[in-house]
């Protein structure tokens, strides 16, 4: 059985990548399964362990790093780690499904470097930083200070967009969803990564 492919979606917070990933997961013909990331941060809102994230303590996360259990990991803010467990990715691929990632920019690029032939790396770009700020405020899940940190980080993240295989601009959500679907569907069928425009 052919191993599943890897579909990476990365973007600054508030770009709409999670909404696009959720949309794609509703299409059974794509045979997608979500790669649940591990994190040392506290759950937000309704988030559940093993469903949204594998929540673990900073100490446990560091033990996994030492044991080289991650495909990629990053300390996004001090003592706030995110990572992708090798066991998670292997289980999905061995079941013949395609792994979809909703992951930060540097993590997405690390996966692409590690599995260059099997991965399409898609960057979801917001129409502007102002729109990004508006979307983050609308969420009402974080303090003004946290939002300011995310906005500061997003400028650096936007600068990495040319390193991705393809950029999907999310000015109109339904168009962005359709473009993402077409890209992913084509990549799963052909293994073809589109040339940059």
C-alpha atoms as a PDB file:
ATOM      1  CA  UNK A   1       0.000   0.000   0.000  1.00  0.00           C
ATOM      2  CA  UNK A   2       1.283   3.434  -0.923  1.00  0.00           C
ATOM      3  CA  UNK A   3       2.122   5.661   2.007  1.00  0.00           C
ATOM      4  CA  UNK A   4       0.000   8.741   2.465  1.00  0.00           C
ATOM      5  CA  UNK A   5       1.162  12.192   1.441  1.00  0.00           C
ATOM      6  CA  UNK A   6       1.803  15.191   3.660  1.00  0.00           C
ATOM      7  CA  UNK A   7      -0.238  18.376   3.265  1.00  0.00           C
ATOM      8  CA  UNK A   8       1.136  21.354   5.187  1.00  0.00           C
ATOM      9  CA  UNK A   9      -0.870  24.513   5.874  1.00  0.00           C
ATOM     10  CA  UNK A  10       1.035  27.339   7.563  1.00  0.00           C
ATOM     11  CA  UNK A  11       0.172  30.971   8.166  1.00  0.00           C
ATOM     12  CA  UNK A  12       0.263  33.747  10.718  1.00  0.00           C
ATOM     13  CA  UNK A  13      -2.413  33.423  13.434  1.00  0.00           C
ATOM     14  CA  UNK A  14      -5.771  34.685  12.180  1.00  0.00           C
ATOM     15  CA  UNK A  15      -5.141  34.001   8.470  1.00  0.00           C
ATOM     16  CA  UNK A  16      -7.890  31.382   8.328  1.00  0.00           C
ATOM     17  CA  UNK A  17      -5.727  28.281   7.895  1.00  0.00           C
ATOM     18  CA  UNK A  18      -7.608  26.316  10.565  1.00  0.00           C
ATOM     19  CA  UNK A  19     -10.944  27.089   8.872  1.00  0.00           C
ATOM     20  CA  UNK A  20      -9.522  25.907   5.521  1.00  0.00           C
ATOM     21  CA  UNK A  21      -8.070  22.733   7.052  1.00  0.00           C
ATOM     22  CA  UNK A  22     -11.418  21.928   8.737  1.00  0.00           C
ATOM     23  CA  UNK A  23     -13.153  22.432   5.381  1.00  0.00           C
ATOM     24  CA  UNK A  24     -10.797  19.996   3.632  1.00  0.00           C
ATOM     25  CA  UNK A  25     -11.247  17.383   6.375  1.00  0.00           C
ATOM     26  CA  UNK A  26     -14.965  17.267   5.492  1.00  0.00           C
ATOM     27  CA  UNK A  27     -14.125  15.778   2.073  1.00  0.00           C
ATOM     28  CA  UNK A  28     -13.764  11.982   2.496  1.00  0.00           C
ATOM     29  CA  UNK A  29     -12.475  11.549  -1.074  1.00  0.00           C
ATOM     30  CA  UNK A  30      -9.243  13.332  -0.062  1.00  0.00           C
ATOM     31  CA  UNK A  31      -8.549  10.652   2.604  1.00  0.00           C
ATOM     32  CA  UNK A  32      -7.153  13.262   4.974  1.00  0.00           C
ATOM     33  CA  UNK A  33      -6.415  12.792   8.623  1.00  0.00           C
ATOM     34  CA  UNK A  34      -5.418  15.640  10.891  1.00  0.00           C
ATOM     35  CA  UNK A  35      -2.012  15.482  12.522  1.00  0.00           C
ATOM     36  CA  UNK A  36      -2.649  16.453  16.137  1.00  0.00           C
ATOM     37  CA  UNK A  37       0.256  18.560  17.371  1.00  0.00           C
ATOM     38  CA  UNK A  38       1.747  18.313  20.831  1.00  0.00           C
ATOM     39  CA  UNK A  39       1.992  21.502  22.885  1.00  0.00           C
ATOM     40  CA  UNK A  40       3.071  22.598  26.341  1.00  0.00           C
ATOM     41  CA  UNK A  41       0.523  25.430  26.463  1.00  0.00           C
ATOM     42  CA  UNK A  42      -2.714  25.319  28.435  1.00  0.00           C
ATOM     43  CA  UNK A  43      -5.933  24.358  26.605  1.00  0.00           C
ATOM     44  CA  UNK A  44      -8.002  27.305  25.317  1.00  0.00           C
ATOM     45  CA  UNK A  45     -11.801  27.383  25.477  1.00  0.00           C
ATOM     46  CA  UNK A  46     -13.297  24.015  24.512  1.00  0.00           C
ATOM     47  CA  UNK A  47     -10.009  22.412  23.408  1.00  0.00           C
ATOM     48  CA  UNK A  48      -9.653  18.772  24.422  1.00  0.00           C
ATOM     49  CA  UNK A  49      -6.562  16.585  24.884  1.00  0.00           C
ATOM     50  CA  UNK A  50      -6.078  14.114  22.026  1.00  0.00           C
ATOM     51  CA  UNK A  51      -8.638  15.920  19.904  1.00  0.00           C
ATOM     52  CA  UNK A  52      -7.240  19.431  19.364  1.00  0.00           C
ATOM     53  CA  UNK A  53      -3.740  18.915  20.765  1.00  0.00           C
ATOM     54  CA  UNK A  54      -1.697  16.462  22.773  1.00  0.00           C
ATOM     55  CA  UNK A  55      -1.299  18.673  25.849  1.00  0.00           C
ATOM     56  CA  UNK A  56       1.795  17.959  27.935  1.00  0.00           C
ATOM     57  CA  UNK A  57       3.928  19.655  30.560  1.00  0.00           C
ATOM     58  CA  UNK A  58       7.078  21.565  29.593  1.00  0.00           C
ATOM     59  CA  UNK A  59       9.097  18.814  31.318  1.00  0.00           C
ATOM     60  CA  UNK A  60       7.399  16.023  29.315  1.00  0.00           C
ATOM     61  CA  UNK A  61       7.793  17.961  26.090  1.00  0.00           C
ATOM     62  CA  UNK A  62      11.539  18.345  26.731  1.00  0.00           C
ATOM     63  CA  UNK A  63      11.805  14.584  27.426  1.00  0.00           C
ATOM     64  CA  UNK A  64      10.235  13.884  24.010  1.00  0.00           C
ATOM     65  CA  UNK A  65      12.729  16.292  22.382  1.00  0.00           C
ATOM     66  CA  UNK A  66      15.600  14.425  24.058  1.00  0.00           C
ATOM     67  CA  UNK A  67      14.213  11.098  22.836  1.00  0.00           C
ATOM     68  CA  UNK A  68      13.937  12.528  19.280  1.00  0.00           C
ATOM     69  CA  UNK A  69      10.220  11.677  19.166  1.00  0.00           C
ATOM     70  CA  UNK A  70       9.331  14.722  17.041  1.00  0.00           C
ATOM     71  CA  UNK A  71       9.362  15.197  13.264  1.00  0.00           C
ATOM     72  CA  UNK A  72       9.645  18.907  14.095  1.00  0.00           C
ATOM     73  CA  UNK A  73       9.239  21.073  17.172  1.00  0.00           C
ATOM     74  CA  UNK A  74       9.639  24.693  18.132  1.00  0.00           C
ATOM     75  CA  UNK A  75       9.659  26.875  21.214  1.00  0.00           C
ATOM     76  CA  UNK A  76       7.255  29.520  19.895  1.00  0.00           C
ATOM     77  CA  UNK A  77       7.368  31.662  23.036  1.00  0.00           C
ATOM     78  CA  UNK A  78       9.398  30.975  26.215  1.00  0.00           C
ATOM     79  CA  UNK A  79       8.332  27.545  27.561  1.00  0.00           C
ATOM     80  CA  UNK A  80       5.530  27.344  24.979  1.00  0.00           C
ATOM     81  CA  UNK A  81       6.447  24.427  22.758  1.00  0.00           C
ATOM     82  CA  UNK A  82       4.665  22.959  19.752  1.00  0.00           C
ATOM     83  CA  UNK A  83       5.698  19.835  17.884  1.00  0.00           C
ATOM     84  CA  UNK A  84       4.667  16.980  15.626  1.00  0.00           C
ATOM     85  CA  UNK A  85       5.130  13.467  17.009  1.00  0.00           C
ATOM     86  CA  UNK A  86       6.705  10.949  14.606  1.00  0.00           C
ATOM     87  CA  UNK A  87       4.357   8.241  15.906  1.00  0.00           C
ATOM     88  CA  UNK A  88       1.313  10.349  14.936  1.00  0.00           C
ATOM     89  CA  UNK A  89       2.514  10.913  11.349  1.00  0.00           C
ATOM     90  CA  UNK A  90       3.632   7.312  10.806  1.00  0.00           C
ATOM     91  CA  UNK A  91       0.353   5.841  12.053  1.00  0.00           C
ATOM     92  CA  UNK A  92      -1.700   7.974   9.639  1.00  0.00           C
ATOM     93  CA  UNK A  93       0.583   7.348   6.633  1.00  0.00           C
ATOM     94  CA  UNK A  94       0.797   3.610   7.268  1.00  0.00           C
ATOM     95  CA  UNK A  95      -3.001   3.473   7.250  1.00  0.00           C
ATOM     96  CA  UNK A  96      -2.868   4.820   3.667  1.00  0.00           C
ATOM     97  CA  UNK A  97      -4.275   8.206   4.620  1.00  0.00           C
ATOM     98  CA  UNK A  98      -2.855  11.637   3.821  1.00  0.00           C
ATOM     99  CA  UNK A  99      -1.636  13.709   6.744  1.00  0.00           C
ATOM    100  CA  UNK A 100      -2.871  17.302   6.938  1.00  0.00           C
ATOM    101  CA  UNK A 101      -1.005  19.777   9.157  1.00  0.00           C
ATOM    102  CA  UNK A 102      -2.202  23.085  10.584  1.00  0.00           C
ATOM    103  CA  UNK A 103       1.184  24.249  11.740  1.00  0.00           C
ATOM    104  CA  UNK A 104       3.369  27.304  12.310  1.00  0.00           C
ATOM    105  CA  UNK A 105       5.621  28.538   9.523  1.00  0.00           C
ATOM    106  CA  UNK A 106       8.966  27.129  10.662  1.00  0.00           C
ATOM    107  CA  UNK A 107       7.402  23.752  11.501  1.00  0.00           C
ATOM    108  CA  UNK A 108       5.803  23.608   8.064  1.00  0.00           C
ATOM    109  CA  UNK A 109       9.117  24.306   6.338  1.00  0.00           C
ATOM    110  CA  UNK A 110      10.892  21.659   8.456  1.00  0.00           C
ATOM    111  CA  UNK A 111       8.380  19.010   7.368  1.00  0.00           C
ATOM    112  CA  UNK A 112       8.870  20.016   3.723  1.00  0.00           C
ATOM    113  CA  UNK A 113      12.658  19.710   4.134  1.00  0.00           C
ATOM    114  CA  UNK A 114      12.355  16.323   5.830  1.00  0.00           C
ATOM    115  CA  UNK A 115       9.926  14.827   3.273  1.00  0.00           C
ATOM    116  CA  UNK A 116      10.510  16.922   0.115  1.00  0.00           C
ATOM    117  CA  UNK A 117       8.951  14.446  -2.342  1.00  0.00           C
ATOM    118  CA  UNK A 118       5.867  13.626  -0.267  1.00  0.00           C
ATOM    119  CA  UNK A 119       4.900  17.115   0.923  1.00  0.00           C
ATOM    120  CA  UNK A 120       3.049  20.103  -0.466  1.00  0.00           C
ATOM    121  CA  UNK A 121       3.595  23.197   1.683  1.00  0.00           C
ATOM    122  CA  UNK A 122       0.817  25.780   1.373  1.00  0.00           C
ATOM    123  CA  UNK A 123       1.029  29.250   2.900  1.00  0.00           C
ATOM    124  CA  UNK A 124      -2.269  30.976   3.717  1.00  0.00           C
ATOM    125  CA  UNK A 125      -1.822  34.713   3.379  1.00  0.00           C
ATOM    126  CA  UNK A 126      -4.155  37.273   4.958  1.00  0.00           C
ATOM    127  CA  UNK A 127      -5.142  40.224   2.757  1.00  0.00           C
ATOM    128  CA  UNK A 128      -3.345  42.639   5.143  1.00  0.00           C
ATOM    129  CA  UNK A 129      -1.886  42.986   8.640  1.00  0.00           C
ATOM    130  CA  UNK A 130      -4.839  45.250   9.573  1.00  0.00           C
ATOM    131  CA  UNK A 131      -7.298  42.534   8.604  1.00  0.00           C
ATOM    132  CA  UNK A 132      -5.244  40.032  10.616  1.00  0.00           C
ATOM    133  CA  UNK A 133      -5.452  42.281  13.682  1.00  0.00           C
ATOM    134  CA  UNK A 134      -9.227  42.624  13.223  1.00  0.00           C
ATOM    135  CA  UNK A 135      -9.673  38.825  12.996  1.00  0.00           C
ATOM    136  CA  UNK A 136      -7.560  38.166  16.094  1.00  0.00           C
ATOM    137  CA  UNK A 137      -9.537  40.745  18.109  1.00  0.00           C
ATOM    138  CA  UNK A 138     -12.809  39.250  16.882  1.00  0.00           C
ATOM    139  CA  UNK A 139     -11.829  35.851  18.302  1.00  0.00           C
ATOM    140  CA  UNK A 140     -11.788  37.323  21.843  1.00  0.00           C
ATOM    141  CA  UNK A 141      -9.654  34.431  23.094  1.00  0.00           C
ATOM    142  CA  UNK A 142      -6.508  36.374  23.969  1.00  0.00           C
ATOM    143  CA  UNK A 143      -5.349  39.507  25.746  1.00  0.00           C
ATOM    144  CA  UNK A 144      -4.323  42.685  23.883  1.00  0.00           C
ATOM    145  CA  UNK A 145      -0.712  41.876  24.814  1.00  0.00           C
ATOM    146  CA  UNK A 146      -0.918  38.371  23.281  1.00  0.00           C
ATOM    147  CA  UNK A 147      -2.508  39.810  20.127  1.00  0.00           C
ATOM    148  CA  UNK A 148       0.307  42.382  19.864  1.00  0.00           C
ATOM    149  CA  UNK A 149       2.871  39.538  20.162  1.00  0.00           C
ATOM    150  CA  UNK A 150       1.110  37.593  17.402  1.00  0.00           C
ATOM    151  CA  UNK A 151       0.958  40.629  15.100  1.00  0.00           C
ATOM    152  CA  UNK A 152       4.671  41.326  15.645  1.00  0.00           C
ATOM    153  CA  UNK A 153       5.457  37.703  14.803  1.00  0.00           C
ATOM    154  CA  UNK A 154       3.207  37.684  11.734  1.00  0.00           C
ATOM    155  CA  UNK A 155       5.395  40.189   9.813  1.00  0.00           C
ATOM    156  CA  UNK A 156       8.346  37.790  10.077  1.00  0.00           C
ATOM    157  CA  UNK A 157       6.090  34.867   9.142  1.00  0.00           C
ATOM    158  CA  UNK A 158       4.764  36.685   6.057  1.00  0.00           C
ATOM    159  CA  UNK A 159       8.361  37.186   4.907  1.00  0.00           C
ATOM    160  CA  UNK A 160       8.788  33.379   4.705  1.00  0.00           C
ATOM    161  CA  UNK A 161       5.855  32.903   2.290  1.00  0.00           C
ATOM    162  CA  UNK A 162       8.102  32.640  -0.832  1.00  0.00           C
ATOM    163  CA  UNK A 163       9.736  29.531   0.714  1.00  0.00           C
ATOM    164  CA  UNK A 164       6.439  27.629   0.451  1.00  0.00           C
ATOM    165  CA  UNK A 165       5.342  25.676  -2.628  1.00  0.00           C
ATOM    166  CA  UNK A 166       2.240  27.776  -3.096  1.00  0.00           C
ATOM    167  CA  UNK A 167       0.497  30.787  -1.536  1.00  0.00           C
ATOM    168  CA  UNK A 168      -3.271  30.933  -1.096  1.00  0.00           C
ATOM    169  CA  UNK A 169      -4.498  34.441  -0.351  1.00  0.00           C
ATOM    170  CA  UNK A 170      -7.496  34.416   1.962  1.00  0.00           C
ATOM    171  CA  UNK A 171      -9.327  37.618   1.073  1.00  0.00           C
ATOM    172  CA  UNK A 172     -12.502  35.706   0.181  1.00  0.00           C
ATOM    173  CA  UNK A 173     -12.895  32.560   2.310  1.00  0.00           C
ATOM    174  CA  UNK A 174     -14.980  30.536  -0.147  1.00  0.00           C
ATOM    175  CA  UNK A 175     -12.452  31.191  -2.952  1.00  0.00           C
ATOM    176  CA  UNK A 176      -9.548  30.321  -0.643  1.00  0.00           C
ATOM    177  CA  UNK A 177     -11.279  27.052   0.360  1.00  0.00           C
ATOM    178  CA  UNK A 178     -11.835  26.143  -3.301  1.00  0.00           C
ATOM    179  CA  UNK A 179      -8.241  26.924  -4.293  1.00  0.00           C
ATOM    180  CA  UNK A 180      -6.935  24.875  -1.353  1.00  0.00           C
ATOM    181  CA  UNK A 181      -9.214  21.963  -2.312  1.00  0.00           C
ATOM    182  CA  UNK A 182      -8.016  22.013  -5.935  1.00  0.00           C
ATOM    183  CA  UNK A 183      -4.338  22.140  -4.911  1.00  0.00           C
ATOM    184  CA  UNK A 184      -4.650  19.317  -2.395  1.00  0.00           C
ATOM    185  CA  UNK A 185      -6.795  17.119  -4.639  1.00  0.00           C
ATOM    186  CA  UNK A 186      -4.349  17.493  -7.540  1.00  0.00           C
ATOM    187  CA  UNK A 187      -1.314  16.825  -5.329  1.00  0.00           C
ATOM    188  CA  UNK A 188      -2.875  13.653  -3.863  1.00  0.00           C
ATOM    189  CA  UNK A 189      -3.737  12.327  -7.341  1.00  0.00           C
ATOM    190  CA  UNK A 190      -0.553  13.286  -9.194  1.00  0.00           C
ATOM    191  CA  UNK A 191       2.115  14.134  -6.593  1.00  0.00           C
ATOM    192  CA  UNK A 192       2.589  17.300  -8.639  1.00  0.00           C
ATOM    193  CA  UNK A 193       3.534  20.522  -6.852  1.00  0.00           C
ATOM    194  CA  UNK A 194       2.510  23.575  -8.904  1.00  0.00           C
ATOM    195  CA  UNK A 195       5.208  25.978 -10.075  1.00  0.00           C
ATOM    196  CA  UNK A 196       5.196  29.345  -8.390  1.00  0.00           C
ATOM    197  CA  UNK A 197       3.409  32.030 -10.325  1.00  0.00           C
END
